[in-house]
Amino acid sequence: MVDLTSRQIGRNKICVTLTQYELNEQQLEFDSLSYSNKDCREFLQEIYKRAAVECGLKPEPARLIIELYPYIDCGCLIIYTASHLVARAVSFFCRFECDDDMLDCFSKQAVIEPNIERITLYQLGEFYYAEILPKSKCDFVRSFFSEYADFKCCQKCAFYSEFATEIYTKKY
């Protein structure tokens, strides 16, 4: 069995390095690796499952994107990207015009807690920005925040979060 050198390089990406010896052990060469070959496909799937477990991830059913690159001494680098087919909620940003709006909104947080996975609050200049990740595609959450905050700046806020100061994060 192949000894894996794997590491997680993103939330849904795993990088695996195989040496020429490890490929030869499976009677494979980099130039002949093809997903249309049944043995190669099974080998790549097994490597993914083992690497996911080693990285502390669940190898859940997903659409799997597999990238193969030649590596040192005729080995190869494999990057697996799991693209889960389950529709997931997307985080959104809002901007509070004043401290009172932000404080008032968060004082009523118990109303929306069952629908929220995470809230991160940022400060940039005089404004507060909230990144909200609902547990599902929930119009109620967006509607709740729209009473207190501005959504017109959504795309700008996503950019600003890299430069803003994170002042609060709560996971539910």
N, C-alpha and C. Protein backbone atom coordinates (compact mmCIF):
# COMPACT_ATOMS: atom_id res chain seq x y z
N MET A 1 0.84 -1.19 0.00
CA MET A 1 0.00 0.00 0.00
C MET A 1 0.89 1.25 0.00
N VAL A 2 0.41 2.27 -0.63
CA VAL A 2 1.16 3.51 -0.80
C VAL A 2 1.18 4.31 0.50
N ASP A 3 2.38 4.84 0.86
CA ASP A 3 2.49 5.77 1.99
C ASP A 3 2.15 7.15 1.47
N LEU A 4 1.17 7.79 2.08
CA LEU A 4 0.73 9.09 1.60
C LEU A 4 1.49 10.24 2.23
N THR A 5 1.78 11.23 1.41
CA THR A 5 2.23 12.51 1.90
C THR A 5 1.11 13.47 1.49
N SER A 6 0.25 13.80 2.44
CA SER A 6 -0.91 14.63 2.09
C SER A 6 -1.04 15.79 3.06
N ARG A 7 -1.68 16.84 2.56
CA ARG A 7 -1.96 17.99 3.42
C ARG A 7 -3.20 18.70 2.87
N GLN A 8 -3.91 19.29 3.77
CA GLN A 8 -5.08 20.05 3.39
C GLN A 8 -4.62 21.45 2.99
N ILE A 9 -5.03 21.91 1.81
CA ILE A 9 -4.59 23.22 1.33
C ILE A 9 -5.76 24.19 1.17
N GLY A 10 -6.91 23.78 1.61
CA GLY A 10 -8.10 24.63 1.56
C GLY A 10 -9.23 23.91 2.24
N ARG A 11 -10.35 24.61 2.37
CA ARG A 11 -11.50 24.02 3.05
C ARG A 11 -11.94 22.73 2.37
N ASN A 12 -11.81 22.66 1.05
CA ASN A 12 -12.26 21.49 0.32
C ASN A 12 -11.18 20.96 -0.63
N LYS A 13 -9.90 21.27 -0.33
CA LYS A 13 -8.80 20.82 -1.19
C LYS A 13 -7.76 20.04 -0.40
N ILE A 14 -7.28 18.98 -1.03
CA ILE A 14 -6.23 18.16 -0.45
C ILE A 14 -5.15 17.98 -1.50
N CYS A 15 -3.91 18.10 -1.08
CA CYS A 15 -2.77 17.89 -1.97
C CYS A 15 -2.05 16.61 -1.53
N VAL A 16 -1.81 15.72 -2.48
CA VAL A 16 -1.12 14.46 -2.21
C VAL A 16 0.11 14.38 -3.12
N THR A 17 1.22 13.99 -2.55
CA THR A 17 2.45 13.81 -3.32
C THR A 17 2.77 12.32 -3.38
N LEU A 18 2.99 11.83 -4.59
CA LEU A 18 3.39 10.43 -4.78
C LEU A 18 4.75 10.40 -5.48
N THR A 19 5.61 9.52 -5.02
CA THR A 19 6.93 9.38 -5.64
C THR A 19 6.82 8.41 -6.82
N GLN A 20 7.89 8.36 -7.61
CA GLN A 20 7.93 7.41 -8.72
C GLN A 20 7.81 5.98 -8.19
N TYR A 21 8.47 5.71 -7.08
CA TYR A 21 8.41 4.37 -6.47
C TYR A 21 6.97 4.00 -6.13
N GLU A 22 6.24 4.95 -5.54
CA GLU A 22 4.85 4.67 -5.16
C GLU A 22 3.96 4.44 -6.38
N LEU A 23 4.22 5.17 -7.45
CA LEU A 23 3.49 4.93 -8.69
C LEU A 23 3.84 3.57 -9.28
N ASN A 24 5.14 3.26 -9.30
CA ASN A 24 5.59 1.97 -9.83
C ASN A 24 5.00 0.81 -9.04
N GLU A 25 4.88 0.98 -7.74
CA GLU A 25 4.30 -0.04 -6.87
C GLU A 25 2.87 -0.40 -7.31
N GLN A 26 2.19 0.57 -7.87
CA GLN A 26 0.82 0.36 -8.37
C GLN A 26 0.81 0.07 -9.87
N GLN A 27 2.00 -0.10 -10.44
CA GLN A 27 2.18 -0.34 -11.87
C GLN A 27 1.58 0.80 -12.70
N LEU A 28 1.87 2.02 -12.25
CA LEU A 28 1.39 3.21 -12.94
C LEU A 28 2.57 4.13 -13.26
N GLU A 29 2.42 4.91 -14.30
CA GLU A 29 3.37 5.95 -14.64
C GLU A 29 2.59 7.24 -14.82
N PHE A 30 3.23 8.36 -14.56
CA PHE A 30 2.53 9.63 -14.65
C PHE A 30 1.89 9.82 -16.03
N ASP A 31 2.63 9.51 -17.08
CA ASP A 31 2.14 9.72 -18.44
C ASP A 31 0.92 8.87 -18.78
N SER A 32 0.72 7.79 -18.04
CA SER A 32 -0.41 6.90 -18.35
C SER A 32 -1.59 7.06 -17.38
N LEU A 33 -1.49 8.00 -16.46
CA LEU A 33 -2.60 8.20 -15.52
C LEU A 33 -3.81 8.77 -16.26
N SER A 34 -4.90 8.05 -16.20
CA SER A 34 -6.12 8.48 -16.88
C SER A 34 -7.33 8.00 -16.09
N TYR A 35 -8.28 8.87 -15.91
CA TYR A 35 -9.48 8.50 -15.15
C TYR A 35 -10.34 7.52 -15.92
N SER A 36 -10.12 7.40 -17.21
CA SER A 36 -10.89 6.44 -17.99
C SER A 36 -10.39 5.00 -17.76
N ASN A 37 -9.19 4.86 -17.21
CA ASN A 37 -8.65 3.54 -16.87
C ASN A 37 -9.24 3.14 -15.52
N LYS A 38 -9.95 2.02 -15.48
CA LYS A 38 -10.64 1.58 -14.26
C LYS A 38 -9.69 1.43 -13.07
N ASP A 39 -8.54 0.79 -13.26
CA ASP A 39 -7.59 0.60 -12.17
C ASP A 39 -7.06 1.93 -11.65
N CYS A 40 -6.75 2.81 -12.57
CA CYS A 40 -6.25 4.14 -12.18
C CYS A 40 -7.33 4.91 -11.43
N ARG A 41 -8.56 4.86 -11.92
CA ARG A 41 -9.68 5.55 -11.27
C ARG A 41 -9.87 5.06 -9.84
N GLU A 42 -9.86 3.74 -9.66
CA GLU A 42 -10.01 3.17 -8.32
C GLU A 42 -8.85 3.58 -7.41
N PHE A 43 -7.65 3.60 -7.97
CA PHE A 43 -6.46 4.02 -7.22
C PHE A 43 -6.60 5.47 -6.78
N LEU A 44 -6.99 6.37 -7.68
CA LEU A 44 -7.15 7.78 -7.35
C LEU A 44 -8.25 8.01 -6.32
N GLN A 45 -9.34 7.25 -6.42
CA GLN A 45 -10.42 7.37 -5.44
C GLN A 45 -9.98 6.87 -4.06
N GLU A 46 -9.25 5.78 -4.03
CA GLU A 46 -8.75 5.24 -2.76
C GLU A 46 -7.76 6.20 -2.11
N ILE A 47 -6.89 6.79 -2.92
CA ILE A 47 -5.93 7.78 -2.40
C ILE A 47 -6.68 8.96 -1.80
N TYR A 48 -7.73 9.42 -2.49
CA TYR A 48 -8.52 10.54 -1.97
C TYR A 48 -9.14 10.19 -0.61
N LYS A 49 -9.74 9.02 -0.50
CA LYS A 49 -10.38 8.62 0.76
C LYS A 49 -9.37 8.57 1.89
N ARG A 50 -8.21 7.98 1.64
CA ARG A 50 -7.19 7.89 2.67
C ARG A 50 -6.65 9.26 3.05
N ALA A 51 -6.40 10.11 2.05
CA ALA A 51 -5.87 11.45 2.31
C ALA A 51 -6.88 12.29 3.10
N ALA A 52 -8.15 12.17 2.75
CA ALA A 52 -9.19 12.92 3.47
C ALA A 52 -9.21 12.52 4.93
N VAL A 53 -9.15 11.24 5.21
CA VAL A 53 -9.14 10.76 6.60
C VAL A 53 -7.89 11.25 7.32
N GLU A 54 -6.73 11.18 6.66
CA GLU A 54 -5.48 11.66 7.27
C GLU A 54 -5.55 13.14 7.62
N CYS A 55 -6.26 13.91 6.79
CA CYS A 55 -6.36 15.36 7.02
C CYS A 55 -7.50 15.70 7.97
N GLY A 56 -8.17 14.68 8.48
CA GLY A 56 -9.26 14.92 9.43
C GLY A 56 -10.56 15.32 8.77
N LEU A 57 -10.73 14.99 7.49
CA LEU A 57 -11.96 15.31 6.78
C LEU A 57 -12.76 14.04 6.53
N LYS A 58 -14.04 14.21 6.33
CA LYS A 58 -14.87 13.06 5.96
C LYS A 58 -14.89 12.96 4.44
N PRO A 59 -14.52 11.83 3.88
CA PRO A 59 -14.58 11.69 2.43
C PRO A 59 -16.03 11.49 1.99
N GLU A 60 -16.82 12.56 2.09
CA GLU A 60 -18.24 12.50 1.77
C GLU A 60 -18.44 12.40 0.27
N PRO A 61 -19.60 11.89 -0.14
CA PRO A 61 -19.89 11.86 -1.57
C PRO A 61 -19.89 13.28 -2.13
N ALA A 62 -19.15 13.46 -3.18
CA ALA A 62 -19.04 14.79 -3.77
C ALA A 62 -18.58 14.64 -5.20
N ARG A 63 -18.81 15.69 -5.95
CA ARG A 63 -18.19 15.74 -7.28
C ARG A 63 -16.73 16.05 -7.00
N LEU A 64 -15.84 15.27 -7.56
CA LEU A 64 -14.43 15.38 -7.25
C LEU A 64 -13.66 15.86 -8.48
N ILE A 65 -12.95 16.95 -8.32
CA ILE A 65 -12.07 17.45 -9.38
C ILE A 65 -10.66 17.00 -9.01
N ILE A 66 -10.02 16.30 -9.94
CA ILE A 66 -8.69 15.76 -9.68
C ILE A 66 -7.72 16.39 -10.67
N GLU A 67 -6.69 17.04 -10.13
CA GLU A 67 -5.65 17.64 -10.96
C GLU A 67 -4.36 16.89 -10.72
N LEU A 68 -3.69 16.49 -11.80
CA LEU A 68 -2.43 15.76 -11.71
C LEU A 68 -1.32 16.59 -12.33
N TYR A 69 -0.21 16.70 -11.61
CA TYR A 69 0.94 17.45 -12.10
C TYR A 69 2.20 16.61 -11.93
N PRO A 70 3.10 16.67 -12.93
CA PRO A 70 4.38 15.96 -12.74
C PRO A 70 5.13 16.60 -11.57
N TYR A 71 5.87 15.76 -10.86
CA TYR A 71 6.57 16.25 -9.68
C TYR A 71 7.99 15.70 -9.68
N ILE A 72 8.73 15.98 -8.68
CA ILE A 72 10.15 15.63 -8.56
C ILE A 72 10.38 14.15 -8.87
N ASP A 73 11.42 13.87 -9.67
CA ASP A 73 11.87 12.51 -9.97
C ASP A 73 10.74 11.61 -10.47
N CYS A 74 9.98 12.09 -11.43
CA CYS A 74 8.92 11.31 -12.09
C CYS A 74 7.76 10.94 -11.19
N GLY A 75 7.63 11.61 -10.07
CA GLY A 75 6.48 11.40 -9.21
C GLY A 75 5.34 12.29 -9.68
N CYS A 76 4.34 12.44 -8.86
CA CYS A 76 3.25 13.33 -9.25
C CYS A 76 2.63 14.00 -8.02
N LEU A 77 2.02 15.12 -8.30
CA LEU A 77 1.30 15.90 -7.30
C LEU A 77 -0.17 15.80 -7.69
N ILE A 78 -1.02 15.41 -6.74
CA ILE A 78 -2.45 15.28 -7.01
C ILE A 78 -3.18 16.28 -6.13
N ILE A 79 -4.01 17.09 -6.74
CA ILE A 79 -4.84 18.02 -5.98
C ILE A 79 -6.29 17.61 -6.17
N TYR A 80 -6.92 17.27 -5.06
CA TYR A 80 -8.33 16.89 -5.05
C TYR A 80 -9.14 18.08 -4.56
N THR A 81 -10.17 18.43 -5.30
CA THR A 81 -11.10 19.46 -4.87
C THR A 81 -12.48 18.83 -4.82
N ALA A 82 -13.04 18.77 -3.62
CA ALA A 82 -14.38 18.20 -3.45
C ALA A 82 -15.40 19.31 -3.64
N SER A 83 -16.26 19.14 -4.59
CA SER A 83 -17.31 20.12 -4.86
C SER A 83 -18.63 19.46 -4.47
N HIS A 84 -19.08 19.75 -3.26
CA HIS A 84 -20.28 19.11 -2.75
C HIS A 84 -21.50 19.57 -3.53
N LEU A 85 -22.34 18.63 -3.86
CA LEU A 85 -23.50 18.93 -4.68
C LEU A 85 -24.65 19.50 -3.87
N VAL A 86 -24.57 19.39 -2.56
CA VAL A 86 -25.63 19.90 -1.71
C VAL A 86 -25.57 21.43 -1.74
N ALA A 87 -26.72 22.04 -1.98
CA ALA A 87 -26.76 23.50 -2.00
C ALA A 87 -26.49 24.01 -0.59
N ARG A 88 -25.53 24.88 -0.48
CA ARG A 88 -25.17 25.42 0.82
C ARG A 88 -25.47 26.91 0.84
N ALA A 89 -25.70 27.37 2.02
CA ALA A 89 -25.96 28.80 2.18
C ALA A 89 -24.67 29.57 1.92
N VAL A 90 -24.82 30.77 1.45
CA VAL A 90 -23.69 31.63 1.16
C VAL A 90 -23.72 32.79 2.14
N SER A 91 -22.56 33.16 2.64
CA SER A 91 -22.53 34.28 3.57
C SER A 91 -22.81 35.57 2.82
N PHE A 92 -23.35 36.53 3.53
CA PHE A 92 -23.61 37.84 2.94
C PHE A 92 -23.12 38.91 3.91
N PHE A 93 -22.91 40.09 3.38
CA PHE A 93 -22.39 41.20 4.16
C PHE A 93 -23.43 42.31 4.25
N CYS A 94 -23.38 43.01 5.35
CA CYS A 94 -24.21 44.21 5.49
C CYS A 94 -23.41 45.25 6.26
N ARG A 95 -23.81 46.52 6.07
CA ARG A 95 -23.11 47.63 6.73
C ARG A 95 -24.09 48.36 7.63
N PHE A 96 -23.66 48.59 8.85
CA PHE A 96 -24.46 49.35 9.80
C PHE A 96 -24.05 50.81 9.70
N GLU A 97 -25.04 51.68 9.53
CA GLU A 97 -24.77 53.12 9.37
C GLU A 97 -24.32 53.76 10.68
N CYS A 98 -24.79 53.22 11.80
CA CYS A 98 -24.40 53.80 13.09
C CYS A 98 -24.31 52.72 14.15
N ASP A 99 -23.60 53.04 15.21
CA ASP A 99 -23.41 52.09 16.32
C ASP A 99 -24.74 51.63 16.89
N ASP A 100 -25.71 52.54 17.02
CA ASP A 100 -26.99 52.19 17.62
C ASP A 100 -27.72 51.11 16.82
N ASP A 101 -27.67 51.20 15.48
CA ASP A 101 -28.31 50.17 14.65
C ASP A 101 -27.68 48.81 14.89
N MET A 102 -26.36 48.79 14.93
CA MET A 102 -25.64 47.54 15.14
C MET A 102 -25.96 46.95 16.52
N LEU A 103 -25.92 47.80 17.56
CA LEU A 103 -26.20 47.33 18.92
C LEU A 103 -27.65 46.86 19.05
N ASP A 104 -28.57 47.57 18.45
CA ASP A 104 -29.98 47.19 18.49
C ASP A 104 -30.19 45.83 17.81
N CYS A 105 -29.56 45.65 16.67
CA CYS A 105 -29.67 44.39 15.93
C CYS A 105 -29.15 43.22 16.76
N PHE A 106 -27.96 43.38 17.32
CA PHE A 106 -27.36 42.29 18.08
C PHE A 106 -28.03 42.06 19.43
N SER A 107 -28.75 43.04 19.92
CA SER A 107 -29.49 42.82 21.17
C SER A 107 -30.68 41.89 20.93
N LYS A 108 -31.13 41.79 19.70
CA LYS A 108 -32.26 40.91 19.34
C LYS A 108 -31.77 39.64 18.65
N GLN A 109 -30.52 39.32 18.87
CA GLN A 109 -29.87 38.20 18.22
C GLN A 109 -30.56 36.85 18.50
N ALA A 110 -31.16 36.70 19.66
CA ALA A 110 -31.80 35.43 20.02
C ALA A 110 -32.90 35.06 19.03
N VAL A 111 -33.49 36.04 18.37
CA VAL A 111 -34.56 35.79 17.41
C VAL A 111 -34.03 35.00 16.21
N ILE A 112 -32.80 35.27 15.81
CA ILE A 112 -32.27 34.62 14.60
C ILE A 112 -31.26 33.52 14.87
N GLU A 113 -30.82 33.35 16.11
CA GLU A 113 -29.80 32.35 16.42
C GLU A 113 -30.05 30.98 15.82
N PRO A 114 -31.28 30.45 15.85
CA PRO A 114 -31.49 29.11 15.28
C PRO A 114 -31.21 29.04 13.77
N ASN A 115 -31.17 30.18 13.11
CA ASN A 115 -30.99 30.22 11.66
C ASN A 115 -29.58 30.61 11.22
N ILE A 116 -28.70 30.86 12.19
CA ILE A 116 -27.35 31.37 11.88
C ILE A 116 -26.29 30.34 12.22
N GLU A 117 -25.34 30.19 11.31
CA GLU A 117 -24.19 29.33 11.60
C GLU A 117 -23.04 30.15 12.18
N ARG A 118 -22.83 31.38 11.63
CA ARG A 118 -21.73 32.21 12.11
C ARG A 118 -21.99 33.68 11.77
N ILE A 119 -21.60 34.54 12.68
CA ILE A 119 -21.61 35.98 12.44
C ILE A 119 -20.22 36.50 12.78
N THR A 120 -19.66 37.29 11.88
CA THR A 120 -18.39 37.94 12.14
C THR A 120 -18.60 39.44 11.96
N LEU A 121 -18.17 40.20 12.93
CA LEU A 121 -18.35 41.65 12.89
C LEU A 121 -16.99 42.30 12.67
N TYR A 122 -16.95 43.25 11.73
CA TYR A 122 -15.72 43.96 11.40
C TYR A 122 -15.95 45.46 11.61
N GLN A 123 -14.85 46.16 11.83
CA GLN A 123 -14.91 47.62 11.86
C GLN A 123 -13.92 48.13 10.83
N LEU A 124 -14.40 49.06 10.01
CA LEU A 124 -13.54 49.72 9.03
C LEU A 124 -13.91 51.19 9.06
N GLY A 125 -13.00 51.99 9.56
CA GLY A 125 -13.30 53.40 9.70
C GLY A 125 -14.41 53.59 10.72
N GLU A 126 -15.42 54.35 10.35
CA GLU A 126 -16.53 54.63 11.28
C GLU A 126 -17.68 53.63 11.17
N PHE A 127 -17.58 52.70 10.22
CA PHE A 127 -18.69 51.77 10.01
C PHE A 127 -18.40 50.37 10.55
N TYR A 128 -19.46 49.67 10.89
CA TYR A 128 -19.40 48.26 11.27
C TYR A 128 -20.00 47.45 10.13
N TYR A 129 -19.35 46.33 9.82
CA TYR A 129 -19.80 45.42 8.78
C TYR A 129 -20.00 44.05 9.41
N ALA A 130 -21.06 43.38 9.02
CA ALA A 130 -21.30 42.03 9.53
C ALA A 130 -21.29 41.05 8.36
N GLU A 131 -20.56 39.95 8.55
CA GLU A 131 -20.62 38.83 7.60
C GLU A 131 -21.49 37.79 8.27
N ILE A 132 -22.58 37.42 7.62
CA ILE A 132 -23.55 36.50 8.20
C ILE A 132 -23.58 35.23 7.35
N LEU A 133 -23.40 34.09 7.98
CA LEU A 133 -23.51 32.80 7.29
C LEU A 133 -24.73 32.08 7.85
N PRO A 134 -25.84 32.07 7.10
CA PRO A 134 -27.03 31.36 7.58
C PRO A 134 -26.83 29.85 7.50
N LYS A 135 -27.62 29.10 8.26
CA LYS A 135 -27.52 27.64 8.23
C LYS A 135 -28.07 27.07 6.93
N SER A 136 -28.96 27.77 6.32
CA SER A 136 -29.51 27.37 5.03
C SER A 136 -29.87 28.64 4.28
N LYS A 137 -30.35 28.47 3.08
CA LYS A 137 -30.77 29.65 2.33
C LYS A 137 -32.01 30.18 3.02
N CYS A 138 -31.83 31.17 3.83
CA CYS A 138 -32.90 31.62 4.71
C CYS A 138 -33.21 33.09 4.46
N ASP A 139 -34.35 33.36 3.83
CA ASP A 139 -34.76 34.74 3.57
C ASP A 139 -35.06 35.47 4.87
N PHE A 140 -35.46 34.72 5.90
CA PHE A 140 -35.77 35.34 7.19
C PHE A 140 -34.56 36.07 7.75
N VAL A 141 -33.38 35.46 7.64
CA VAL A 141 -32.16 36.05 8.19
C VAL A 141 -31.85 37.36 7.46
N ARG A 142 -31.91 37.31 6.15
CA ARG A 142 -31.62 38.52 5.37
C ARG A 142 -32.65 39.61 5.67
N SER A 143 -33.90 39.20 5.79
CA SER A 143 -34.96 40.15 6.10
C SER A 143 -34.74 40.79 7.47
N PHE A 144 -34.35 39.97 8.45
CA PHE A 144 -34.10 40.48 9.79
C PHE A 144 -33.00 41.55 9.77
N PHE A 145 -31.87 41.23 9.12
CA PHE A 145 -30.76 42.18 9.10
C PHE A 145 -31.07 43.42 8.27
N SER A 146 -31.93 43.30 7.28
CA SER A 146 -32.24 44.46 6.43
C SER A 146 -32.97 45.56 7.21
N GLU A 147 -33.56 45.21 8.34
CA GLU A 147 -34.21 46.23 9.17
C GLU A 147 -33.18 47.15 9.84
N TYR A 148 -31.96 46.68 9.97
CA TYR A 148 -30.93 47.41 10.71
C TYR A 148 -29.74 47.85 9.85
N ALA A 149 -29.53 47.17 8.72
CA ALA A 149 -28.28 47.37 7.97
C ALA A 149 -28.55 47.54 6.48
N ASP A 150 -27.52 47.99 5.79
CA ASP A 150 -27.56 48.27 4.36
C ASP A 150 -26.90 47.12 3.60
N PHE A 151 -27.61 46.58 2.59
CA PHE A 151 -27.04 45.50 1.79
C PHE A 151 -26.53 45.98 0.44
N LYS A 152 -26.68 47.25 0.15
CA LYS A 152 -26.26 47.77 -1.16
C LYS A 152 -24.77 47.65 -1.38
N CYS A 153 -24.01 47.56 -0.30
CA CYS A 153 -22.55 47.54 -0.42
C CYS A 153 -21.99 46.12 -0.30
N CYS A 154 -22.81 45.10 -0.58
CA CYS A 154 -22.39 43.71 -0.38
C CYS A 154 -21.04 43.38 -1.01
N GLN A 155 -20.88 43.67 -2.29
CA GLN A 155 -19.65 43.28 -2.96
C GLN A 155 -18.45 44.04 -2.41
N LYS A 156 -18.63 45.31 -2.11
CA LYS A 156 -17.54 46.09 -1.54
C LYS A 156 -17.14 45.54 -0.18
N CYS A 157 -18.12 45.12 0.62
CA CYS A 157 -17.82 44.61 1.96
C CYS A 157 -16.97 43.35 1.91
N ALA A 158 -17.24 42.49 0.93
CA ALA A 158 -16.45 41.27 0.82
C ALA A 158 -14.98 41.63 0.62
N PHE A 159 -14.73 42.67 -0.12
CA PHE A 159 -13.37 43.14 -0.33
C PHE A 159 -12.82 43.79 0.93
N TYR A 160 -13.63 44.60 1.59
CA TYR A 160 -13.20 45.31 2.79
C TYR A 160 -12.84 44.38 3.94
N SER A 161 -13.47 43.23 4.02
CA SER A 161 -13.22 42.35 5.16
C SER A 161 -11.76 41.96 5.26
N GLU A 162 -11.03 42.01 4.15
CA GLU A 162 -9.60 41.70 4.19
C GLU A 162 -8.81 42.80 4.89
N PHE A 163 -9.34 44.03 4.88
CA PHE A 163 -8.63 45.16 5.43
C PHE A 163 -9.21 45.65 6.75
N ALA A 164 -10.39 45.18 7.07
CA ALA A 164 -11.06 45.64 8.27
C ALA A 164 -10.54 44.90 9.50
N THR A 165 -10.84 45.43 10.65
CA THR A 165 -10.45 44.79 11.90
C THR A 165 -11.59 43.91 12.37
N GLU A 166 -11.31 42.62 12.55
CA GLU A 166 -12.34 41.71 13.06
C GLU A 166 -12.47 41.96 14.56
N ILE A 167 -13.70 42.25 14.99
CA ILE A 167 -13.89 42.58 16.42
C ILE A 167 -14.79 41.58 17.14
N TYR A 168 -15.44 40.67 16.40
CA TYR A 168 -16.35 39.74 17.06
C TYR A 168 -16.68 38.61 16.10
N THR A 169 -16.63 37.38 16.61
CA THR A 169 -17.08 36.23 15.84
C THR A 169 -17.83 35.32 16.78
N LYS A 170 -18.97 34.85 16.33
CA LYS A 170 -19.73 33.91 17.13
C LYS A 170 -20.22 32.79 16.23
N LYS A 171 -19.90 31.55 16.61
CA LYS A 171 -20.38 30.37 15.89
C LYS A 171 -21.49 29.75 16.71
N TYR A 172 -22.51 29.33 16.04
CA TYR A 172 -23.67 28.75 16.74
C TYR A 172 -23.70 27.27 16.59
